[in-house]
Amino acid sequence: MKAGLAAALALMVAACATTAYAPAPTPAPAPVGGYPAAAGSSGVSAPLKDLRVLMVDNAIAMLGQPYRYGGAAPGGFDCSGLVVYAANGAGVRLPRTAREQLGIGKHIARGELQAGDLVFMHLTHKELHVGIAIDAERFVHAPSTGGAVRIDTLASPTYSKGFLGARRIALAQ
């Protein structure tokens, strides 16, 4: 019996020694928030997309939402409420009012606008209005009562004449 047990054990050890070890393939990291995870990542790290682009994406996702004075959530936005909502979605905390937002970040010349910069203007029935630049010409904003979140161009006479300035807020990851 000992001889049989020893033979069986020797066979198992020999079988293990000749079986090639092939580790299971490592799955690619799962996308985070709809964006691919960084290479070598566990899938838990921050998305590759720049926070400025995330901010713009958050604002654009609200296109068509109605203007609501004091609104800062889906269902209704005022101009600064849309900015706060979009920034919060990118993990950036901003002051609530357009006046306070005008005081943060770094002044940017109009010709240097990039996605995520805040654009400020004086409009006919508004002392101060704010939107989020999509690129050097277009911006997303919640215009006024009766309107809805939309994209406009700074080349439009209304916004061109009323343009006050732009601010770049710190959005580096």
N, C-alpha and C. Protein backbone atom coordinates (compact mmCIF):
# COMPACT_ATOMS: atom_id res chain seq x y z
N MET A 1 0.82 -1.17 0.00
CA MET A 1 0.00 0.00 0.00
C MET A 1 0.88 1.25 0.00
N LYS A 2 1.98 1.20 0.80
CA LYS A 2 2.88 2.33 0.81
C LYS A 2 3.48 2.56 -0.55
N ALA A 3 3.79 1.49 -1.26
CA ALA A 3 4.38 1.62 -2.58
C ALA A 3 3.40 2.26 -3.55
N GLY A 4 2.12 1.87 -3.46
CA GLY A 4 1.09 2.44 -4.34
C GLY A 4 0.87 3.91 -4.07
N LEU A 5 0.84 4.28 -2.79
CA LEU A 5 0.65 5.67 -2.40
C LEU A 5 1.85 6.52 -2.87
N ALA A 6 3.06 5.97 -2.70
CA ALA A 6 4.25 6.68 -3.14
C ALA A 6 4.26 6.87 -4.64
N ALA A 7 3.81 5.85 -5.39
CA ALA A 7 3.76 5.94 -6.85
C ALA A 7 2.76 6.99 -7.29
N ALA A 8 1.60 7.04 -6.63
CA ALA A 8 0.56 8.02 -6.98
C ALA A 8 1.06 9.43 -6.69
N LEU A 9 1.72 9.60 -5.55
CA LEU A 9 2.25 10.90 -5.18
C LEU A 9 3.33 11.34 -6.17
N ALA A 10 4.19 10.43 -6.58
CA ALA A 10 5.23 10.74 -7.56
C ALA A 10 4.62 11.14 -8.88
N LEU A 11 3.55 10.47 -9.27
CA LEU A 11 2.87 10.79 -10.53
C LEU A 11 2.28 12.21 -10.47
N MET A 12 1.65 12.57 -9.35
CA MET A 12 1.05 13.90 -9.22
C MET A 12 2.12 14.99 -9.26
N VAL A 13 3.23 14.74 -8.57
CA VAL A 13 4.31 15.73 -8.56
C VAL A 13 4.88 15.89 -9.97
N ALA A 14 5.04 14.78 -10.66
CA ALA A 14 5.57 14.83 -12.03
C ALA A 14 4.60 15.56 -12.94
N ALA A 15 3.30 15.34 -12.75
CA ALA A 15 2.30 16.01 -13.58
C ALA A 15 2.33 17.51 -13.35
N CYS A 16 2.48 17.92 -12.10
CA CYS A 16 2.54 19.36 -11.79
C CYS A 16 3.78 19.99 -12.41
N ALA A 17 4.88 19.25 -12.41
CA ALA A 17 6.13 19.80 -12.93
C ALA A 17 6.11 19.95 -14.43
N THR A 18 5.30 19.19 -15.13
CA THR A 18 5.28 19.27 -16.58
C THR A 18 4.13 20.13 -17.10
N THR A 19 3.23 20.51 -16.24
CA THR A 19 2.12 21.34 -16.69
C THR A 19 2.59 22.79 -16.73
N ALA A 20 2.47 23.40 -17.87
CA ALA A 20 2.89 24.80 -18.01
C ALA A 20 1.95 25.69 -17.23
N TYR A 21 2.52 26.65 -16.51
CA TYR A 21 1.71 27.61 -15.77
C TYR A 21 1.42 28.79 -16.68
N ALA A 22 0.17 29.05 -16.86
CA ALA A 22 -0.24 30.21 -17.66
C ALA A 22 -1.18 31.05 -16.83
N PRO A 23 -0.72 32.21 -16.36
CA PRO A 23 -1.61 33.05 -15.55
C PRO A 23 -2.80 33.51 -16.38
N ALA A 24 -3.89 33.70 -15.69
CA ALA A 24 -5.09 34.20 -16.37
C ALA A 24 -4.78 35.59 -16.91
N PRO A 25 -5.27 35.90 -18.11
CA PRO A 25 -4.99 37.23 -18.65
C PRO A 25 -5.57 38.31 -17.73
N THR A 26 -4.83 39.38 -17.57
CA THR A 26 -5.30 40.49 -16.77
C THR A 26 -6.28 41.31 -17.60
N PRO A 27 -7.50 41.47 -17.10
CA PRO A 27 -8.46 42.25 -17.88
C PRO A 27 -8.05 43.71 -17.93
N ALA A 28 -8.43 44.37 -19.01
CA ALA A 28 -8.15 45.80 -19.14
C ALA A 28 -8.92 46.53 -18.06
N PRO A 29 -8.39 47.64 -17.57
CA PRO A 29 -9.11 48.39 -16.55
C PRO A 29 -10.48 48.82 -17.07
N ALA A 30 -11.43 48.75 -16.19
CA ALA A 30 -12.79 49.16 -16.56
C ALA A 30 -12.81 50.67 -16.75
N PRO A 31 -13.63 51.16 -17.69
CA PRO A 31 -13.74 52.61 -17.86
C PRO A 31 -14.26 53.25 -16.59
N VAL A 32 -13.79 54.44 -16.29
CA VAL A 32 -14.25 55.20 -15.15
C VAL A 32 -15.02 56.39 -15.67
N GLY A 33 -16.27 56.51 -15.31
CA GLY A 33 -17.06 57.65 -15.75
C GLY A 33 -17.17 57.75 -17.25
N GLY A 34 -17.07 56.63 -17.96
CA GLY A 34 -17.21 56.66 -19.40
C GLY A 34 -15.92 56.95 -20.14
N TYR A 35 -14.82 57.18 -19.40
CA TYR A 35 -13.54 57.48 -20.02
C TYR A 35 -12.57 56.37 -19.69
N PRO A 36 -11.65 56.01 -20.60
CA PRO A 36 -10.71 54.93 -20.32
C PRO A 36 -9.81 55.27 -19.14
N ALA A 37 -9.48 54.24 -18.35
CA ALA A 37 -8.58 54.45 -17.22
C ALA A 37 -7.15 54.51 -17.72
N ALA A 38 -6.29 55.07 -16.93
CA ALA A 38 -4.88 55.19 -17.30
C ALA A 38 -4.24 53.82 -17.42
N ALA A 39 -3.26 53.68 -18.29
CA ALA A 39 -2.57 52.41 -18.48
C ALA A 39 -1.94 51.98 -17.17
N GLY A 40 -2.03 50.69 -16.88
CA GLY A 40 -1.47 50.16 -15.65
C GLY A 40 -2.32 50.50 -14.44
N SER A 41 -3.47 51.05 -14.66
CA SER A 41 -4.34 51.47 -13.59
C SER A 41 -5.22 50.33 -13.13
N SER A 42 -5.72 50.45 -11.94
CA SER A 42 -6.64 49.45 -11.42
C SER A 42 -8.06 49.76 -11.89
N GLY A 43 -8.22 50.83 -12.61
CA GLY A 43 -9.56 51.24 -13.04
C GLY A 43 -10.21 52.16 -12.02
N VAL A 44 -9.53 52.48 -10.94
CA VAL A 44 -10.09 53.31 -9.90
C VAL A 44 -9.56 54.74 -9.98
N SER A 45 -8.53 54.96 -10.78
CA SER A 45 -7.92 56.29 -10.85
C SER A 45 -8.82 57.27 -11.59
N ALA A 46 -8.42 58.52 -11.54
CA ALA A 46 -9.17 59.58 -12.22
C ALA A 46 -9.11 59.37 -13.72
N PRO A 47 -10.15 59.81 -14.42
CA PRO A 47 -10.17 59.70 -15.88
C PRO A 47 -9.03 60.50 -16.50
N LEU A 48 -8.69 60.09 -17.73
CA LEU A 48 -7.64 60.80 -18.46
C LEU A 48 -8.07 62.18 -18.89
N LYS A 49 -9.35 62.37 -19.10
CA LYS A 49 -9.82 63.66 -19.60
C LYS A 49 -9.49 64.78 -18.63
N ASP A 50 -9.10 65.88 -19.17
CA ASP A 50 -8.81 67.07 -18.39
C ASP A 50 -10.08 67.53 -17.67
N LEU A 51 -9.93 68.05 -16.50
CA LEU A 51 -11.09 68.50 -15.73
C LEU A 51 -11.84 69.62 -16.43
N ARG A 52 -11.14 70.44 -17.23
CA ARG A 52 -11.82 71.51 -17.98
C ARG A 52 -12.83 70.91 -18.95
N VAL A 53 -12.40 69.84 -19.62
CA VAL A 53 -13.28 69.20 -20.59
C VAL A 53 -14.46 68.53 -19.87
N LEU A 54 -14.20 67.95 -18.71
CA LEU A 54 -15.29 67.37 -17.93
C LEU A 54 -16.29 68.44 -17.53
N MET A 55 -15.78 69.60 -17.16
CA MET A 55 -16.66 70.71 -16.78
C MET A 55 -17.54 71.12 -17.96
N VAL A 56 -16.94 71.25 -19.13
CA VAL A 56 -17.70 71.60 -20.34
C VAL A 56 -18.72 70.50 -20.64
N ASP A 57 -18.30 69.24 -20.57
CA ASP A 57 -19.21 68.12 -20.83
C ASP A 57 -20.40 68.15 -19.88
N ASN A 58 -20.14 68.45 -18.60
CA ASN A 58 -21.23 68.52 -17.61
C ASN A 58 -22.22 69.62 -17.96
N ALA A 59 -21.72 70.75 -18.40
CA ALA A 59 -22.60 71.86 -18.77
C ALA A 59 -23.39 71.52 -20.03
N ILE A 60 -22.72 70.95 -21.02
CA ILE A 60 -23.40 70.60 -22.28
C ILE A 60 -24.47 69.54 -22.04
N ALA A 61 -24.25 68.68 -21.08
CA ALA A 61 -25.25 67.65 -20.76
C ALA A 61 -26.55 68.28 -20.25
N MET A 62 -26.50 69.54 -19.85
CA MET A 62 -27.69 70.23 -19.34
C MET A 62 -28.39 71.08 -20.41
N LEU A 63 -27.94 70.99 -21.66
CA LEU A 63 -28.60 71.75 -22.74
C LEU A 63 -30.10 71.50 -22.71
N GLY A 64 -30.85 72.58 -22.84
CA GLY A 64 -32.30 72.47 -22.86
C GLY A 64 -32.95 72.61 -21.49
N GLN A 65 -32.18 72.52 -20.42
CA GLN A 65 -32.74 72.70 -19.08
C GLN A 65 -33.20 74.16 -18.97
N PRO A 66 -34.33 74.40 -18.35
CA PRO A 66 -34.86 75.77 -18.29
C PRO A 66 -34.05 76.69 -17.38
N TYR A 67 -34.11 77.98 -17.69
CA TYR A 67 -33.52 78.99 -16.81
C TYR A 67 -34.42 79.08 -15.59
N ARG A 68 -33.81 79.12 -14.42
CA ARG A 68 -34.55 79.33 -13.18
C ARG A 68 -33.68 80.17 -12.26
N TYR A 69 -34.16 81.33 -11.88
CA TYR A 69 -33.41 82.20 -10.99
C TYR A 69 -33.06 81.44 -9.71
N GLY A 70 -31.78 81.42 -9.35
CA GLY A 70 -31.34 80.72 -8.15
C GLY A 70 -31.13 79.23 -8.36
N GLY A 71 -31.40 78.73 -9.57
CA GLY A 71 -31.29 77.29 -9.84
C GLY A 71 -29.86 76.85 -10.03
N ALA A 72 -29.55 75.68 -9.47
CA ALA A 72 -28.19 75.14 -9.59
C ALA A 72 -28.21 73.62 -9.72
N ALA A 73 -29.31 73.09 -10.31
CA ALA A 73 -29.44 71.64 -10.45
C ALA A 73 -30.34 71.34 -11.65
N PRO A 74 -30.25 70.10 -12.17
CA PRO A 74 -31.16 69.74 -13.26
C PRO A 74 -32.60 70.06 -12.87
N GLY A 75 -33.30 70.65 -13.80
CA GLY A 75 -34.65 71.14 -13.54
C GLY A 75 -34.70 72.65 -13.64
N GLY A 76 -33.54 73.30 -13.52
CA GLY A 76 -33.48 74.74 -13.67
C GLY A 76 -32.17 75.31 -13.19
N PHE A 77 -31.59 76.20 -14.01
CA PHE A 77 -30.30 76.82 -13.70
C PHE A 77 -30.37 78.31 -13.96
N ASP A 78 -29.67 79.08 -13.12
CA ASP A 78 -29.32 80.44 -13.52
C ASP A 78 -27.89 80.35 -14.02
N CYS A 79 -27.32 81.46 -14.49
CA CYS A 79 -26.01 81.37 -15.15
C CYS A 79 -24.92 80.86 -14.22
N SER A 80 -24.82 81.42 -13.03
CA SER A 80 -23.75 80.98 -12.12
C SER A 80 -24.05 79.61 -11.52
N GLY A 81 -25.31 79.26 -11.41
CA GLY A 81 -25.68 77.93 -10.93
C GLY A 81 -25.24 76.84 -11.88
N LEU A 82 -25.33 77.11 -13.18
CA LEU A 82 -24.85 76.14 -14.18
C LEU A 82 -23.34 75.96 -14.04
N VAL A 83 -22.62 77.06 -13.85
CA VAL A 83 -21.17 77.00 -13.70
C VAL A 83 -20.80 76.17 -12.46
N VAL A 84 -21.47 76.42 -11.34
CA VAL A 84 -21.20 75.68 -10.10
C VAL A 84 -21.51 74.20 -10.30
N TYR A 85 -22.65 73.90 -10.92
CA TYR A 85 -23.04 72.51 -11.15
C TYR A 85 -22.01 71.78 -12.02
N ALA A 86 -21.61 72.39 -13.11
CA ALA A 86 -20.66 71.76 -14.03
C ALA A 86 -19.30 71.56 -13.36
N ALA A 87 -18.86 72.55 -12.59
CA ALA A 87 -17.58 72.44 -11.89
C ALA A 87 -17.64 71.35 -10.81
N ASN A 88 -18.72 71.33 -10.04
CA ASN A 88 -18.87 70.30 -9.01
C ASN A 88 -18.77 68.91 -9.61
N GLY A 89 -19.37 68.70 -10.77
CA GLY A 89 -19.32 67.41 -11.44
C GLY A 89 -17.91 67.01 -11.85
N ALA A 90 -17.01 68.00 -11.95
CA ALA A 90 -15.61 67.73 -12.28
C ALA A 90 -14.75 67.72 -11.02
N GLY A 91 -15.41 67.83 -9.86
CA GLY A 91 -14.68 67.81 -8.60
C GLY A 91 -14.06 69.13 -8.21
N VAL A 92 -14.55 70.22 -8.80
CA VAL A 92 -14.01 71.56 -8.52
C VAL A 92 -15.08 72.37 -7.80
N ARG A 93 -14.72 72.98 -6.68
CA ARG A 93 -15.66 73.79 -5.91
C ARG A 93 -15.45 75.26 -6.26
N LEU A 94 -16.56 75.92 -6.64
CA LEU A 94 -16.51 77.34 -6.99
C LEU A 94 -17.52 78.11 -6.15
N PRO A 95 -17.30 79.41 -6.01
CA PRO A 95 -18.29 80.24 -5.33
C PRO A 95 -19.61 80.23 -6.11
N ARG A 96 -20.70 80.56 -5.46
CA ARG A 96 -22.03 80.41 -6.05
C ARG A 96 -22.42 81.53 -7.02
N THR A 97 -22.02 82.76 -6.78
CA THR A 97 -22.54 83.86 -7.61
C THR A 97 -21.54 84.27 -8.70
N ALA A 98 -22.07 84.86 -9.76
CA ALA A 98 -21.22 85.33 -10.86
C ALA A 98 -20.23 86.37 -10.35
N ARG A 99 -20.65 87.23 -9.45
CA ARG A 99 -19.76 88.27 -8.90
C ARG A 99 -18.58 87.61 -8.18
N GLU A 100 -18.85 86.59 -7.37
CA GLU A 100 -17.77 85.88 -6.66
C GLU A 100 -16.88 85.12 -7.66
N GLN A 101 -17.50 84.53 -8.68
CA GLN A 101 -16.74 83.78 -9.68
C GLN A 101 -15.81 84.69 -10.47
N LEU A 102 -16.22 85.94 -10.66
CA LEU A 102 -15.38 86.91 -11.37
C LEU A 102 -14.09 87.20 -10.61
N GLY A 103 -14.09 86.94 -9.32
CA GLY A 103 -12.92 87.23 -8.50
C GLY A 103 -11.95 86.08 -8.32
N ILE A 104 -12.20 84.94 -8.97
CA ILE A 104 -11.30 83.79 -8.79
C ILE A 104 -10.48 83.53 -10.05
N GLY A 105 -9.45 82.75 -9.91
CA GLY A 105 -8.65 82.36 -11.07
C GLY A 105 -7.79 83.48 -11.60
N LYS A 106 -7.39 83.29 -12.83
CA LYS A 106 -6.46 84.20 -13.50
C LYS A 106 -7.15 84.85 -14.70
N HIS A 107 -6.94 86.15 -14.87
CA HIS A 107 -7.50 86.87 -16.03
C HIS A 107 -6.92 86.27 -17.32
N ILE A 108 -7.80 86.05 -18.30
CA ILE A 108 -7.40 85.50 -19.60
C ILE A 108 -7.87 86.45 -20.69
N ALA A 109 -6.99 86.75 -21.62
CA ALA A 109 -7.37 87.58 -22.77
C ALA A 109 -8.36 86.80 -23.64
N ARG A 110 -9.24 87.50 -24.29
CA ARG A 110 -10.26 86.83 -25.10
C ARG A 110 -9.65 85.91 -26.15
N GLY A 111 -8.54 86.29 -26.73
CA GLY A 111 -7.89 85.47 -27.74
C GLY A 111 -7.22 84.21 -27.19
N GLU A 112 -7.17 84.07 -25.87
CA GLU A 112 -6.54 82.91 -25.25
C GLU A 112 -7.54 81.94 -24.65
N LEU A 113 -8.82 82.14 -24.93
CA LEU A 113 -9.85 81.28 -24.33
C LEU A 113 -9.66 79.81 -24.67
N GLN A 114 -9.88 78.97 -23.67
CA GLN A 114 -9.84 77.52 -23.83
C GLN A 114 -11.08 76.94 -23.16
N ALA A 115 -11.35 75.68 -23.47
CA ALA A 115 -12.48 74.98 -22.86
C ALA A 115 -12.36 75.06 -21.34
N GLY A 116 -13.46 75.39 -20.69
CA GLY A 116 -13.51 75.44 -19.24
C GLY A 116 -13.25 76.81 -18.64
N ASP A 117 -12.76 77.77 -19.45
CA ASP A 117 -12.59 79.12 -18.94
C ASP A 117 -13.97 79.74 -18.71
N LEU A 118 -14.06 80.60 -17.74
CA LEU A 118 -15.33 81.30 -17.47
C LEU A 118 -15.33 82.59 -18.25
N VAL A 119 -16.43 82.86 -18.94
CA VAL A 119 -16.57 84.10 -19.71
C VAL A 119 -17.65 84.97 -19.04
N PHE A 120 -17.34 86.24 -18.89
CA PHE A 120 -18.23 87.17 -18.19
C PHE A 120 -18.64 88.28 -19.14
N MET A 121 -19.90 88.69 -19.00
CA MET A 121 -20.41 89.76 -19.84
C MET A 121 -21.52 90.53 -19.13
N HIS A 122 -21.73 91.70 -19.63
CA HIS A 122 -22.84 92.54 -19.16
C HIS A 122 -23.89 92.48 -20.26
N LEU A 123 -25.08 92.02 -19.91
CA LEU A 123 -26.17 91.94 -20.89
C LEU A 123 -27.23 92.98 -20.55
N THR A 124 -28.11 93.27 -21.48
CA THR A 124 -29.11 94.32 -21.32
C THR A 124 -29.84 94.27 -19.98
N HIS A 125 -30.35 93.12 -19.59
CA HIS A 125 -31.14 93.04 -18.36
C HIS A 125 -30.41 92.31 -17.24
N LYS A 126 -29.09 92.21 -17.35
CA LYS A 126 -28.30 91.54 -16.32
C LYS A 126 -27.07 92.36 -16.03
N GLU A 127 -26.82 92.58 -14.76
CA GLU A 127 -25.61 93.31 -14.38
C GLU A 127 -24.38 92.50 -14.74
N LEU A 128 -24.41 91.19 -14.45
CA LEU A 128 -23.27 90.33 -14.73
C LEU A 128 -23.77 88.96 -15.14
N HIS A 129 -23.20 88.43 -16.19
CA HIS A 129 -23.58 87.12 -16.72
C HIS A 129 -22.31 86.29 -16.89
N VAL A 130 -22.41 84.97 -16.65
CA VAL A 130 -21.26 84.08 -16.78
C VAL A 130 -21.65 82.85 -17.58
N GLY A 131 -20.69 82.36 -18.35
CA GLY A 131 -20.85 81.12 -19.09
C GLY A 131 -19.53 80.37 -19.08
N ILE A 132 -19.53 79.19 -19.68
CA ILE A 132 -18.32 78.35 -19.72
C ILE A 132 -17.88 78.22 -21.17
N ALA A 133 -16.63 78.61 -21.45
CA ALA A 133 -16.10 78.52 -22.82
C ALA A 133 -16.01 77.06 -23.24
N ILE A 134 -16.43 76.80 -24.47
CA ILE A 134 -16.28 75.47 -25.08
C ILE A 134 -14.99 75.47 -25.89
N ASP A 135 -14.72 76.60 -26.51
CA ASP A 135 -13.50 76.81 -27.29
C ASP A 135 -13.28 78.32 -27.35
N ALA A 136 -12.52 78.79 -28.31
CA ALA A 136 -12.20 80.22 -28.39
C ALA A 136 -13.39 81.10 -28.76
N GLU A 137 -14.47 80.54 -29.29
CA GLU A 137 -15.62 81.34 -29.71
C GLU A 137 -16.94 80.96 -29.06
N ARG A 138 -17.14 79.69 -28.80
CA ARG A 138 -18.44 79.24 -28.30
C ARG A 138 -18.43 79.08 -26.78
N PHE A 139 -19.59 79.28 -26.19
CA PHE A 139 -19.73 79.08 -24.75
C PHE A 139 -21.12 78.52 -24.46
N VAL A 140 -21.24 77.85 -23.32
CA VAL A 140 -22.51 77.29 -22.87
C VAL A 140 -22.94 78.10 -21.66
N HIS A 141 -24.24 78.39 -21.59
CA HIS A 141 -24.74 79.24 -20.50
C HIS A 141 -26.24 79.07 -20.31
N ALA A 142 -26.72 79.57 -19.19
CA ALA A 142 -28.15 79.65 -18.92
C ALA A 142 -28.51 81.13 -19.06
N PRO A 143 -29.13 81.52 -20.19
CA PRO A 143 -29.23 82.94 -20.53
C PRO A 143 -30.14 83.80 -19.64
N SER A 144 -31.43 83.54 -19.62
CA SER A 144 -32.32 84.41 -18.86
C SER A 144 -33.70 83.78 -18.76
N THR A 145 -34.56 84.42 -17.99
CA THR A 145 -35.93 83.95 -17.80
C THR A 145 -36.59 83.66 -19.14
N GLY A 146 -37.23 82.51 -19.22
CA GLY A 146 -37.89 82.11 -20.45
C GLY A 146 -36.96 81.35 -21.40
N GLY A 147 -35.67 81.34 -21.10
CA GLY A 147 -34.70 80.65 -21.94
C GLY A 147 -34.33 79.29 -21.37
N ALA A 148 -33.36 78.68 -21.98
CA ALA A 148 -32.88 77.37 -21.54
C ALA A 148 -31.37 77.33 -21.75
N VAL A 149 -30.72 76.41 -21.08
CA VAL A 149 -29.28 76.25 -21.24
C VAL A 149 -29.01 76.01 -22.72
N ARG A 150 -28.06 76.76 -23.26
CA ARG A 150 -27.76 76.66 -24.69
C ARG A 150 -26.32 77.06 -24.97
N ILE A 151 -25.94 76.86 -26.22
CA ILE A 151 -24.61 77.24 -26.70
C ILE A 151 -24.77 78.48 -27.58
N ASP A 152 -23.93 79.47 -27.33
CA ASP A 152 -23.91 80.68 -28.16
C ASP A 152 -22.48 80.99 -28.54
N THR A 153 -22.32 82.00 -29.39
CA THR A 153 -20.98 82.40 -29.82
C THR A 153 -20.67 83.81 -29.33
N LEU A 154 -19.43 84.02 -28.97
CA LEU A 154 -19.00 85.35 -28.54
C LEU A 154 -18.97 86.32 -29.70
N ALA A 155 -19.06 85.82 -30.93
CA ALA A 155 -19.09 86.68 -32.11
C ALA A 155 -20.45 87.35 -32.28
N SER A 156 -21.48 86.81 -31.63
CA SER A 156 -22.81 87.41 -31.71
C SER A 156 -22.75 88.82 -31.13
N PRO A 157 -23.39 89.80 -31.79
CA PRO A 157 -23.32 91.19 -31.31
C PRO A 157 -23.69 91.35 -29.83
N THR A 158 -24.70 90.64 -29.38
CA THR A 158 -25.12 90.75 -27.97
C THR A 158 -23.97 90.41 -27.03
N TYR A 159 -23.28 89.31 -27.29
CA TYR A 159 -22.23 88.84 -26.39
C TYR A 159 -20.90 89.54 -26.68
N SER A 160 -20.67 89.91 -27.91
CA SER A 160 -19.44 90.60 -28.28
C SER A 160 -19.39 91.98 -27.62
N LYS A 161 -20.49 92.72 -27.71
CA LYS A 161 -20.56 94.06 -27.11
C LYS A 161 -20.50 94.00 -25.60
N GLY A 162 -21.13 92.97 -25.02
CA GLY A 162 -21.22 92.87 -23.57
C GLY A 162 -20.05 92.18 -22.90
N PHE A 163 -19.10 91.67 -23.69
CA PHE A 163 -17.99 90.90 -23.13
C PHE A 163 -17.18 91.74 -22.14
N LEU A 164 -17.02 91.23 -20.91
CA LEU A 164 -16.25 91.92 -19.88
C LEU A 164 -14.87 91.31 -19.67
N GLY A 165 -14.78 90.01 -19.78
CA GLY A 165 -13.51 89.34 -19.55
C GLY A 165 -13.68 87.85 -19.33
N ALA A 166 -12.57 87.20 -19.10
CA ALA A 166 -12.58 85.74 -18.89
C ALA A 166 -11.61 85.41 -17.77
N ARG A 167 -11.88 84.31 -17.08
CA ARG A 167 -11.04 83.85 -15.98
C ARG A 167 -10.75 82.37 -16.18
N ARG A 168 -9.50 81.99 -15.94
CA ARG A 168 -9.12 80.58 -15.96
C ARG A 168 -8.99 80.13 -14.52
N ILE A 169 -9.79 79.15 -14.17
CA ILE A 169 -9.73 78.63 -12.81
C ILE A 169 -8.79 77.44 -12.79
N ALA A 170 -8.21 77.18 -11.65
CA ALA A 170 -7.24 76.08 -11.51
C ALA A 170 -7.97 74.75 -11.61
N LEU A 171 -7.77 74.05 -12.73
CA LEU A 171 -8.44 72.78 -12.94
C LEU A 171 -7.46 71.66 -13.24
N ALA A 172 -6.21 71.83 -12.88
CA ALA A 172 -5.24 70.76 -13.14
C ALA A 172 -5.49 69.60 -12.19
N GLN A 173 -5.30 68.37 -12.70
CA GLN A 173 -5.49 67.19 -11.85
C GLN A 173 -4.29 67.00 -10.98
